[in-house]
């Protein structure tokens, strides 16, 4: 099955965003959002949840809307 989404070829970038984010924001319902700028003004957002010593990725997406990111509470760096 062939994937046709923009995210299909970004598996490595998604994992890098989780392990080395530029910032982590608080999402809704207890999720966290790891953010990393992929291109000038284009951000990869990886939504994840931590549970004890484990965690899992819920979804990921690209955005150019910095105002969207600026409205969230910054968790890291403080």
C-alpha atoms as a PDB file:
ATOM      1  CA  UNK A   1       0.000   0.000   0.000  1.00  0.00           C
ATOM      2  CA  UNK A   2       1.499   3.336  -1.056  1.00  0.00           C
ATOM      3  CA  UNK A   3       1.234   6.309   1.304  1.00  0.00           C
ATOM      4  CA  UNK A   4       0.500   9.723  -0.198  1.00  0.00           C
ATOM      5  CA  UNK A   5       0.786  12.036   2.781  1.00  0.00           C
ATOM      6  CA  UNK A   6       3.439  14.642   3.465  1.00  0.00           C
ATOM      7  CA  UNK A   7       4.345  12.777   6.661  1.00  0.00           C
ATOM      8  CA  UNK A   8       5.018   9.415   4.965  1.00  0.00           C
ATOM      9  CA  UNK A   9       8.713  10.127   4.352  1.00  0.00           C
ATOM     10  CA  UNK A  10       9.412  11.860   7.663  1.00  0.00           C
ATOM     11  CA  UNK A  11       9.756   8.904  10.033  1.00  0.00           C
ATOM     12  CA  UNK A  12      13.362   9.812  10.933  1.00  0.00           C
ATOM     13  CA  UNK A  13      12.450  13.472  11.502  1.00  0.00           C
ATOM     14  CA  UNK A  14       9.522  12.474  13.747  1.00  0.00           C
ATOM     15  CA  UNK A  15      11.823  10.333  15.903  1.00  0.00           C
ATOM     16  CA  UNK A  16      14.445  13.108  16.021  1.00  0.00           C
ATOM     17  CA  UNK A  17      11.770  15.589  17.101  1.00  0.00           C
ATOM     18  CA  UNK A  18      10.812  13.329  20.019  1.00  0.00           C
ATOM     19  CA  UNK A  19      14.420  12.725  21.102  1.00  0.00           C
ATOM     20  CA  UNK A  20      15.792  16.235  20.467  1.00  0.00           C
ATOM     21  CA  UNK A  21      12.948  18.791  20.299  1.00  0.00           C
ATOM     22  CA  UNK A  22      13.390  22.553  20.062  1.00  0.00           C
ATOM     23  CA  UNK A  23      10.592  22.883  22.589  1.00  0.00           C
ATOM     24  CA  UNK A  24       7.833  20.913  24.271  1.00  0.00           C
ATOM     25  CA  UNK A  25       4.379  22.407  24.652  1.00  0.00           C
ATOM     26  CA  UNK A  26       1.385  21.315  26.682  1.00  0.00           C
ATOM     27  CA  UNK A  27      -1.477  19.972  24.591  1.00  0.00           C
ATOM     28  CA  UNK A  28      -5.038  19.158  25.532  1.00  0.00           C
ATOM     29  CA  UNK A  29      -6.114  16.176  27.642  1.00  0.00           C
ATOM     30  CA  UNK A  30      -2.653  15.547  29.104  1.00  0.00           C
ATOM     31  CA  UNK A  31      -0.713  15.177  25.870  1.00  0.00           C
ATOM     32  CA  UNK A  32       2.592  16.854  25.077  1.00  0.00           C
ATOM     33  CA  UNK A  33       3.726  18.371  21.796  1.00  0.00           C
ATOM     34  CA  UNK A  34       7.371  18.119  20.699  1.00  0.00           C
ATOM     35  CA  UNK A  35       8.219  20.873  18.209  1.00  0.00           C
ATOM     36  CA  UNK A  36      11.096  21.201  15.772  1.00  0.00           C
ATOM     37  CA  UNK A  37      11.600  23.627  12.898  1.00  0.00           C
ATOM     38  CA  UNK A  38      12.173  21.532   9.763  1.00  0.00           C
ATOM     39  CA  UNK A  39      12.472  24.416   7.296  1.00  0.00           C
ATOM     40  CA  UNK A  40      12.418  28.174   7.819  1.00  0.00           C
ATOM     41  CA  UNK A  41       8.946  28.867   9.209  1.00  0.00           C
ATOM     42  CA  UNK A  42       7.782  25.231   8.871  1.00  0.00           C
ATOM     43  CA  UNK A  43       7.418  23.196  12.055  1.00  0.00           C
ATOM     44  CA  UNK A  44       7.028  19.492  12.708  1.00  0.00           C
ATOM     45  CA  UNK A  45       4.710  18.836  15.648  1.00  0.00           C
ATOM     46  CA  UNK A  46       4.713  15.395  17.282  1.00  0.00           C
ATOM     47  CA  UNK A  47       1.872  14.834  19.735  1.00  0.00           C
ATOM     48  CA  UNK A  48       2.698  12.209  22.356  1.00  0.00           C
ATOM     49  CA  UNK A  49       1.756  10.964  25.795  1.00  0.00           C
ATOM     50  CA  UNK A  50       4.065   9.805  28.568  1.00  0.00           C
ATOM     51  CA  UNK A  51       3.056   6.996  30.897  1.00  0.00           C
ATOM     52  CA  UNK A  52       5.518   6.151  33.646  1.00  0.00           C
ATOM     53  CA  UNK A  53       8.811   5.313  31.961  1.00  0.00           C
ATOM     54  CA  UNK A  54       7.166   4.771  28.571  1.00  0.00           C
ATOM     55  CA  UNK A  55       5.519   6.974  26.016  1.00  0.00           C
ATOM     56  CA  UNK A  56       3.788   6.727  22.679  1.00  0.00           C
ATOM     57  CA  UNK A  57       3.231   8.932  19.669  1.00  0.00           C
ATOM     58  CA  UNK A  58      -0.379   9.848  18.993  1.00  0.00           C
ATOM     59  CA  UNK A  59       0.060  11.797  15.756  1.00  0.00           C
ATOM     60  CA  UNK A  60       2.335  14.201  13.939  1.00  0.00           C
ATOM     61  CA  UNK A  61       1.750  17.060  11.541  1.00  0.00           C
ATOM     62  CA  UNK A  62       3.401  20.040   9.870  1.00  0.00           C
ATOM     63  CA  UNK A  63       2.361  23.639  10.495  1.00  0.00           C
ATOM     64  CA  UNK A  64       3.434  27.124   9.525  1.00  0.00           C
ATOM     65  CA  UNK A  65       1.129  28.740  12.111  1.00  0.00           C
ATOM     66  CA  UNK A  66       3.465  30.097  14.774  1.00  0.00           C
ATOM     67  CA  UNK A  67       0.504  31.779  16.524  1.00  0.00           C
ATOM     68  CA  UNK A  68      -0.997  28.309  17.078  1.00  0.00           C
ATOM     69  CA  UNK A  69       2.202  27.224  18.813  1.00  0.00           C
ATOM     70  CA  UNK A  70       2.509  30.468  20.778  1.00  0.00           C
ATOM     71  CA  UNK A  71      -0.861  29.959  22.469  1.00  0.00           C
ATOM     72  CA  UNK A  72       0.263  26.750  24.171  1.00  0.00           C
ATOM     73  CA  UNK A  73       1.972  26.571  27.552  1.00  0.00           C
ATOM     74  CA  UNK A  74       5.715  25.939  27.134  1.00  0.00           C
ATOM     75  CA  UNK A  75       6.915  22.992  29.230  1.00  0.00           C
ATOM     76  CA  UNK A  76      10.520  22.872  28.006  1.00  0.00           C
ATOM     77  CA  UNK A  77      12.760  24.805  27.899  1.00  0.00           C
ATOM     78  CA  UNK A  78      11.316  26.785  30.770  1.00  0.00           C
END
